[in-house]
Amino acid sequence: MTIHREPGLMEPLWRQQPPEQVRLLNPAFLGALIYSAAKGYEEESNGSGLPYALAFVALPAVLQKVTRETLPRAISTSLAAWLSVHPSALVGFSDRAKAIAPLVRQAVAVAASSGLVSLDGYRLIPELNVRKINKYGRDLATAAIS
């Protein structure tokens, strides 16, 4: 008896993208970005974790090259002030955020299950040091994305 499955039915969301997007949107890489955002937020907020919702803002902002390159280098610049100078950053942002939302949820799940971050209520708490992050990336890498 042969079982026929619909192509891509069991394939993870991130693997259903073109090859260049698979490399960019794999859960290990996105999880590392979420960790970085959580770590930075924790350092600047006196130890509180990154609000879960901000992961859905941070990733679409840093994944788009044009937006990433114009982000302020200092945290003294508020998001509102930065947006008043760079209103073009909002163009298409909601569409990008909606499109990547399932991948962000998957990356949070992978990062949490791997011990990269932990969930404390509605906050993401960074848990690992840099050496363990490198191991995390190696463990999750596959031949198709290496």
N, C-alpha and C. Protein backbone atom coordinates (compact mmCIF):
# COMPACT_ATOMS: atom_id res chain seq x y z
N MET A 1 0.84 -1.17 0.00
CA MET A 1 0.00 0.00 0.00
C MET A 1 0.89 1.24 0.00
N THR A 2 0.65 2.14 -0.90
CA THR A 2 1.41 3.38 -1.01
C THR A 2 0.60 4.53 -0.41
N ILE A 3 1.25 5.29 0.44
CA ILE A 3 0.60 6.46 1.02
C ILE A 3 1.04 7.68 0.24
N HIS A 4 0.09 8.42 -0.28
CA HIS A 4 0.39 9.63 -1.03
C HIS A 4 0.12 10.84 -0.15
N ARG A 5 1.11 11.68 -0.07
CA ARG A 5 0.95 12.92 0.68
C ARG A 5 1.04 14.10 -0.27
N GLU A 6 0.34 15.12 0.07
CA GLU A 6 0.40 16.34 -0.70
C GLU A 6 1.81 16.94 -0.52
N PRO A 7 2.47 17.34 -1.60
CA PRO A 7 3.81 17.91 -1.46
C PRO A 7 3.82 19.10 -0.51
N GLY A 8 4.79 19.12 0.38
CA GLY A 8 4.95 20.24 1.29
C GLY A 8 4.02 20.21 2.49
N LEU A 9 3.18 19.20 2.61
CA LEU A 9 2.20 19.16 3.69
C LEU A 9 2.88 19.11 5.05
N MET A 10 3.92 18.31 5.20
CA MET A 10 4.60 18.16 6.47
C MET A 10 5.85 19.04 6.57
N GLU A 11 6.11 19.79 5.53
CA GLU A 11 7.30 20.62 5.49
C GLU A 11 7.12 21.86 6.37
N PRO A 12 8.14 22.24 7.15
CA PRO A 12 8.02 23.44 7.98
C PRO A 12 7.78 24.68 7.13
N LEU A 13 7.13 25.68 7.72
CA LEU A 13 6.81 26.92 7.01
C LEU A 13 8.03 27.56 6.37
N TRP A 14 9.13 27.60 7.10
CA TRP A 14 10.29 28.31 6.58
C TRP A 14 10.91 27.61 5.39
N ARG A 15 10.71 26.31 5.23
CA ARG A 15 11.27 25.57 4.08
C ARG A 15 10.42 25.70 2.83
N GLN A 16 9.25 26.30 2.96
CA GLN A 16 8.36 26.46 1.81
C GLN A 16 8.68 27.74 1.04
N GLN A 17 9.77 28.39 1.36
CA GLN A 17 10.19 29.64 0.74
C GLN A 17 11.24 29.36 -0.33
N PRO A 18 11.51 30.34 -1.20
CA PRO A 18 12.63 30.20 -2.14
C PRO A 18 13.94 30.01 -1.36
N PRO A 19 14.96 29.37 -1.97
CA PRO A 19 16.20 29.04 -1.26
C PRO A 19 16.85 30.21 -0.52
N GLU A 20 16.88 31.40 -1.13
CA GLU A 20 17.53 32.53 -0.45
C GLU A 20 16.74 32.95 0.80
N GLN A 21 15.41 32.79 0.76
CA GLN A 21 14.61 33.09 1.95
C GLN A 21 14.73 32.00 2.99
N VAL A 22 14.92 30.75 2.56
CA VAL A 22 15.13 29.65 3.51
C VAL A 22 16.35 29.95 4.36
N ARG A 23 17.42 30.43 3.73
CA ARG A 23 18.64 30.74 4.48
C ARG A 23 18.41 31.88 5.47
N LEU A 24 17.61 32.85 5.09
CA LEU A 24 17.36 34.02 5.93
C LEU A 24 16.30 33.76 7.00
N LEU A 25 15.30 32.95 6.69
CA LEU A 25 14.15 32.81 7.57
C LEU A 25 14.11 31.50 8.35
N ASN A 26 15.21 30.78 8.43
CA ASN A 26 15.19 29.52 9.18
C ASN A 26 15.05 29.82 10.67
N PRO A 27 14.41 28.93 11.42
CA PRO A 27 14.13 29.20 12.83
C PRO A 27 15.37 29.40 13.69
N ALA A 28 16.49 28.77 13.36
CA ALA A 28 17.71 28.95 14.14
C ALA A 28 18.21 30.39 14.02
N PHE A 29 18.24 30.90 12.81
CA PHE A 29 18.70 32.27 12.60
C PHE A 29 17.74 33.27 13.23
N LEU A 30 16.44 33.10 12.99
CA LEU A 30 15.46 34.01 13.59
C LEU A 30 15.48 33.91 15.11
N GLY A 31 15.68 32.71 15.62
CA GLY A 31 15.79 32.54 17.08
C GLY A 31 16.99 33.29 17.64
N ALA A 32 18.10 33.27 16.91
CA ALA A 32 19.29 34.01 17.35
C ALA A 32 19.03 35.51 17.32
N LEU A 33 18.27 35.99 16.32
CA LEU A 33 17.91 37.41 16.29
C LEU A 33 17.01 37.77 17.46
N ILE A 34 16.06 36.89 17.77
CA ILE A 34 15.18 37.13 18.91
C ILE A 34 15.99 37.17 20.20
N TYR A 35 16.94 36.24 20.33
CA TYR A 35 17.82 36.24 21.49
C TYR A 35 18.55 37.58 21.60
N SER A 36 19.11 38.05 20.49
CA SER A 36 19.84 39.32 20.48
C SER A 36 18.95 40.47 20.91
N ALA A 37 17.74 40.50 20.39
CA ALA A 37 16.79 41.56 20.77
C ALA A 37 16.47 41.46 22.26
N ALA A 38 16.24 40.25 22.74
CA ALA A 38 15.92 40.06 24.16
C ALA A 38 17.10 40.44 25.05
N LYS A 39 18.30 40.08 24.62
CA LYS A 39 19.50 40.40 25.39
C LYS A 39 19.70 41.92 25.46
N GLY A 40 19.58 42.58 24.33
CA GLY A 40 19.72 44.04 24.30
C GLY A 40 18.65 44.73 25.14
N TYR A 41 17.44 44.24 25.03
CA TYR A 41 16.34 44.83 25.80
C TYR A 41 16.59 44.64 27.29
N GLU A 42 17.03 43.45 27.66
CA GLU A 42 17.29 43.15 29.07
C GLU A 42 18.39 44.07 29.63
N GLU A 43 19.44 44.27 28.85
CA GLU A 43 20.56 45.11 29.29
C GLU A 43 20.13 46.57 29.49
N GLU A 44 19.24 47.04 28.64
CA GLU A 44 18.84 48.45 28.70
C GLU A 44 17.63 48.70 29.59
N SER A 45 16.95 47.66 30.01
CA SER A 45 15.73 47.84 30.81
C SER A 45 15.91 47.34 32.24
N ASN A 46 17.13 47.29 32.70
CA ASN A 46 17.42 46.85 34.07
C ASN A 46 16.90 45.45 34.36
N GLY A 47 17.10 44.53 33.42
CA GLY A 47 16.83 43.13 33.69
C GLY A 47 15.46 42.60 33.29
N SER A 48 14.58 43.45 32.77
CA SER A 48 13.29 42.88 32.36
C SER A 48 13.42 42.32 30.95
N GLY A 49 12.68 41.25 30.68
CA GLY A 49 12.76 40.60 29.39
C GLY A 49 12.04 41.36 28.29
N LEU A 50 12.30 40.96 27.07
CA LEU A 50 11.67 41.57 25.89
C LEU A 50 10.19 41.21 25.86
N PRO A 51 9.30 42.19 25.81
CA PRO A 51 7.88 41.85 25.65
C PRO A 51 7.69 41.02 24.38
N TYR A 52 6.92 39.95 24.50
CA TYR A 52 6.70 39.02 23.40
C TYR A 52 6.31 39.75 22.12
N ALA A 53 5.44 40.73 22.22
CA ALA A 53 4.94 41.45 21.04
C ALA A 53 6.07 42.18 20.30
N LEU A 54 7.10 42.61 21.02
CA LEU A 54 8.19 43.33 20.36
C LEU A 54 9.02 42.45 19.44
N ALA A 55 8.99 41.15 19.63
CA ALA A 55 9.68 40.25 18.70
C ALA A 55 9.06 40.38 17.30
N PHE A 56 7.76 40.67 17.26
CA PHE A 56 7.05 40.80 15.99
C PHE A 56 7.28 42.16 15.34
N VAL A 57 7.91 43.08 16.07
CA VAL A 57 8.29 44.38 15.53
C VAL A 57 9.77 44.37 15.17
N ALA A 58 10.58 43.79 16.04
CA ALA A 58 12.03 43.80 15.85
C ALA A 58 12.44 43.06 14.59
N LEU A 59 11.91 41.86 14.38
CA LEU A 59 12.38 41.07 13.23
C LEU A 59 12.05 41.71 11.88
N PRO A 60 10.82 42.17 11.64
CA PRO A 60 10.59 42.82 10.34
C PRO A 60 11.44 44.07 10.15
N ALA A 61 11.78 44.74 11.25
CA ALA A 61 12.61 45.94 11.14
C ALA A 61 14.05 45.59 10.76
N VAL A 62 14.63 44.58 11.40
CA VAL A 62 16.04 44.28 11.13
C VAL A 62 16.25 43.40 9.90
N LEU A 63 15.23 42.69 9.48
CA LEU A 63 15.41 41.82 8.31
C LEU A 63 15.38 42.59 7.00
N GLN A 64 14.77 43.76 6.99
CA GLN A 64 14.76 44.56 5.76
C GLN A 64 15.98 45.47 5.76
N LYS A 65 16.83 45.30 4.77
CA LYS A 65 18.12 46.00 4.73
C LYS A 65 17.97 47.52 4.81
N VAL A 66 17.05 48.09 4.05
CA VAL A 66 16.88 49.55 4.03
C VAL A 66 16.53 50.08 5.41
N THR A 67 15.62 49.40 6.09
CA THR A 67 15.24 49.82 7.44
C THR A 67 16.39 49.60 8.42
N ARG A 68 17.00 48.43 8.36
CA ARG A 68 18.09 48.09 9.28
C ARG A 68 19.22 49.12 9.20
N GLU A 69 19.57 49.54 7.99
CA GLU A 69 20.68 50.47 7.81
C GLU A 69 20.38 51.87 8.32
N THR A 70 19.10 52.22 8.47
CA THR A 70 18.77 53.55 8.96
C THR A 70 18.41 53.58 10.44
N LEU A 71 18.39 52.42 11.09
CA LEU A 71 18.08 52.39 12.52
C LEU A 71 19.10 53.21 13.29
N PRO A 72 18.66 53.87 14.35
CA PRO A 72 19.61 54.67 15.13
C PRO A 72 20.65 53.79 15.81
N ARG A 73 21.85 54.31 15.96
CA ARG A 73 22.93 53.56 16.60
C ARG A 73 22.87 53.70 18.12
N ALA A 74 22.21 54.75 18.59
CA ALA A 74 22.12 54.99 20.03
C ALA A 74 20.69 54.76 20.50
N ILE A 75 20.55 54.20 21.68
CA ILE A 75 19.21 53.94 22.20
C ILE A 75 18.53 55.19 22.73
N SER A 76 19.27 56.30 22.77
CA SER A 76 18.68 57.55 23.25
C SER A 76 17.64 58.10 22.27
N THR A 77 17.66 57.62 21.03
CA THR A 77 16.68 58.04 20.03
C THR A 77 15.43 57.19 20.19
N SER A 78 14.30 57.86 20.43
CA SER A 78 13.05 57.11 20.57
C SER A 78 12.56 56.64 19.21
N LEU A 79 11.73 55.60 19.22
CA LEU A 79 11.17 55.09 17.98
C LEU A 79 10.34 56.17 17.28
N ALA A 80 9.56 56.93 18.05
CA ALA A 80 8.74 58.00 17.47
C ALA A 80 9.61 59.06 16.79
N ALA A 81 10.70 59.46 17.45
CA ALA A 81 11.60 60.46 16.86
C ALA A 81 12.26 59.92 15.60
N TRP A 82 12.69 58.66 15.65
CA TRP A 82 13.33 58.06 14.48
C TRP A 82 12.35 57.97 13.31
N LEU A 83 11.10 57.58 13.60
CA LEU A 83 10.10 57.46 12.53
C LEU A 83 9.74 58.83 11.94
N SER A 84 9.83 59.89 12.73
CA SER A 84 9.53 61.22 12.19
C SER A 84 10.57 61.63 11.15
N VAL A 85 11.79 61.12 11.29
CA VAL A 85 12.86 61.41 10.34
C VAL A 85 12.88 60.40 9.19
N HIS A 86 12.40 59.17 9.45
CA HIS A 86 12.39 58.09 8.45
C HIS A 86 10.98 57.52 8.27
N PRO A 87 10.03 58.33 7.81
CA PRO A 87 8.65 57.82 7.67
C PRO A 87 8.54 56.69 6.65
N SER A 88 9.49 56.58 5.73
CA SER A 88 9.44 55.51 4.72
C SER A 88 9.58 54.13 5.36
N ALA A 89 10.10 54.07 6.58
CA ALA A 89 10.25 52.78 7.27
C ALA A 89 8.90 52.13 7.54
N LEU A 90 7.86 52.95 7.60
CA LEU A 90 6.52 52.41 7.86
C LEU A 90 5.86 51.84 6.60
N VAL A 91 6.36 52.23 5.43
CA VAL A 91 5.77 51.75 4.18
C VAL A 91 5.94 50.24 4.08
N GLY A 92 4.85 49.53 4.05
CA GLY A 92 4.86 48.08 3.92
C GLY A 92 5.19 47.33 5.20
N PHE A 93 5.43 48.07 6.29
CA PHE A 93 5.83 47.40 7.53
C PHE A 93 4.76 46.44 8.03
N SER A 94 3.51 46.87 8.02
CA SER A 94 2.45 45.98 8.54
C SER A 94 2.33 44.72 7.69
N ASP A 95 2.52 44.86 6.39
CA ASP A 95 2.47 43.67 5.52
C ASP A 95 3.63 42.73 5.82
N ARG A 96 4.84 43.29 6.02
CA ARG A 96 5.99 42.46 6.36
C ARG A 96 5.79 41.78 7.70
N ALA A 97 5.27 42.53 8.66
CA ALA A 97 5.05 41.97 10.00
C ALA A 97 4.03 40.84 9.96
N LYS A 98 2.95 41.02 9.22
CA LYS A 98 1.94 39.96 9.10
C LYS A 98 2.51 38.74 8.39
N ALA A 99 3.29 38.98 7.35
CA ALA A 99 3.84 37.86 6.57
C ALA A 99 4.82 37.02 7.38
N ILE A 100 5.59 37.66 8.25
CA ILE A 100 6.61 36.93 9.00
C ILE A 100 6.10 36.43 10.34
N ALA A 101 4.93 36.83 10.77
CA ALA A 101 4.41 36.46 12.10
C ALA A 101 4.44 34.95 12.37
N PRO A 102 4.00 34.08 11.43
CA PRO A 102 4.08 32.64 11.72
C PRO A 102 5.52 32.17 11.91
N LEU A 103 6.45 32.77 11.19
CA LEU A 103 7.86 32.39 11.32
C LEU A 103 8.44 32.88 12.64
N VAL A 104 7.99 34.04 13.10
CA VAL A 104 8.45 34.55 14.40
C VAL A 104 7.95 33.62 15.51
N ARG A 105 6.68 33.22 15.43
CA ARG A 105 6.15 32.30 16.44
C ARG A 105 6.94 30.98 16.45
N GLN A 106 7.24 30.47 15.27
CA GLN A 106 8.01 29.24 15.16
C GLN A 106 9.42 29.43 15.72
N ALA A 107 10.05 30.57 15.43
CA ALA A 107 11.40 30.84 15.93
C ALA A 107 11.41 30.98 17.45
N VAL A 108 10.39 31.60 18.02
CA VAL A 108 10.30 31.70 19.49
C VAL A 108 10.19 30.31 20.08
N ALA A 109 9.36 29.47 19.47
CA ALA A 109 9.18 28.10 19.98
C ALA A 109 10.49 27.31 19.91
N VAL A 110 11.20 27.42 18.80
CA VAL A 110 12.47 26.70 18.64
C VAL A 110 13.52 27.25 19.61
N ALA A 111 13.60 28.57 19.72
CA ALA A 111 14.57 29.18 20.62
C ALA A 111 14.27 28.81 22.07
N ALA A 112 13.01 28.78 22.43
CA ALA A 112 12.63 28.43 23.81
C ALA A 112 12.89 26.95 24.08
N SER A 113 12.56 26.09 23.12
CA SER A 113 12.77 24.66 23.34
C SER A 113 14.26 24.30 23.35
N SER A 114 15.08 25.14 22.73
CA SER A 114 16.52 24.91 22.70
C SER A 114 17.23 25.57 23.88
N GLY A 115 16.51 26.30 24.69
CA GLY A 115 17.10 26.95 25.84
C GLY A 115 17.77 28.28 25.54
N LEU A 116 17.56 28.81 24.35
CA LEU A 116 18.14 30.10 23.97
C LEU A 116 17.44 31.23 24.72
N VAL A 117 16.13 31.15 24.82
CA VAL A 117 15.33 32.11 25.59
C VAL A 117 14.34 31.32 26.42
N SER A 118 13.80 31.97 27.43
CA SER A 118 12.71 31.36 28.18
C SER A 118 11.56 32.35 28.20
N LEU A 119 10.37 31.83 28.42
CA LEU A 119 9.18 32.67 28.49
C LEU A 119 8.82 32.88 29.95
N ASP A 120 8.67 34.13 30.33
CA ASP A 120 8.25 34.47 31.67
C ASP A 120 7.02 35.35 31.53
N GLY A 121 5.87 34.72 31.58
CA GLY A 121 4.64 35.47 31.31
C GLY A 121 4.62 35.86 29.85
N TYR A 122 4.59 37.16 29.60
CA TYR A 122 4.59 37.65 28.23
C TYR A 122 5.95 38.24 27.83
N ARG A 123 7.01 37.83 28.50
CA ARG A 123 8.34 38.35 28.22
C ARG A 123 9.29 37.21 27.81
N LEU A 124 10.23 37.55 26.93
CA LEU A 124 11.27 36.62 26.48
C LEU A 124 12.55 36.96 27.22
N ILE A 125 13.07 35.99 27.95
CA ILE A 125 14.26 36.18 28.77
C ILE A 125 15.44 35.48 28.09
N PRO A 126 16.54 36.21 27.77
CA PRO A 126 17.71 35.55 27.17
C PRO A 126 18.37 34.65 28.21
N GLU A 127 18.76 33.46 27.78
CA GLU A 127 19.29 32.47 28.72
C GLU A 127 20.72 32.03 28.46
N LEU A 128 21.26 32.22 27.28
CA LEU A 128 22.55 31.62 26.94
C LEU A 128 23.66 32.63 26.73
N ASN A 129 24.89 32.13 26.77
CA ASN A 129 26.02 32.97 26.44
C ASN A 129 26.40 32.74 24.97
N VAL A 130 27.34 33.53 24.46
CA VAL A 130 27.70 33.49 23.04
C VAL A 130 28.20 32.12 22.61
N ARG A 131 29.00 31.46 23.42
CA ARG A 131 29.53 30.14 23.04
C ARG A 131 28.40 29.15 22.83
N LYS A 132 27.38 29.19 23.68
CA LYS A 132 26.25 28.28 23.54
C LYS A 132 25.39 28.66 22.33
N ILE A 133 25.34 29.93 21.99
CA ILE A 133 24.59 30.35 20.80
C ILE A 133 25.23 29.75 19.56
N ASN A 134 26.55 29.78 19.47
CA ASN A 134 27.24 29.18 18.32
C ASN A 134 26.92 27.69 18.21
N LYS A 135 26.87 27.00 19.33
CA LYS A 135 26.52 25.58 19.33
C LYS A 135 25.07 25.40 18.88
N TYR A 136 24.20 26.28 19.33
CA TYR A 136 22.78 26.25 18.94
C TYR A 136 22.65 26.34 17.42
N GLY A 137 23.37 27.26 16.80
CA GLY A 137 23.33 27.41 15.35
C GLY A 137 23.86 26.19 14.63
N ARG A 138 24.97 25.62 15.12
CA ARG A 138 25.54 24.42 14.48
C ARG A 138 24.60 23.24 14.61
N ASP A 139 23.96 23.08 15.78
CA ASP A 139 23.06 21.93 16.00
C ASP A 139 21.84 21.98 15.09
N LEU A 140 21.36 23.17 14.79
CA LEU A 140 20.14 23.29 13.99
C LEU A 140 20.39 23.43 12.50
N ALA A 141 21.65 23.64 12.12
CA ALA A 141 21.98 23.80 10.70
C ALA A 141 21.81 22.46 9.97
N THR A 142 21.38 22.55 8.73
CA THR A 142 21.28 21.36 7.89
C THR A 142 22.08 21.58 6.62
N ALA A 143 22.32 20.52 5.89
CA ALA A 143 23.08 20.61 4.64
C ALA A 143 22.38 21.55 3.66
N ALA A 144 21.04 21.58 3.70
CA ALA A 144 20.29 22.41 2.74
C ALA A 144 20.48 23.90 3.01
N ILE A 145 20.79 24.28 4.24
CA ILE A 145 20.92 25.70 4.53
C ILE A 145 22.33 26.10 4.93
N SER A 146 23.23 25.17 5.01
CA SER A 146 24.62 25.49 5.40
C SER A 146 25.37 26.12 4.27
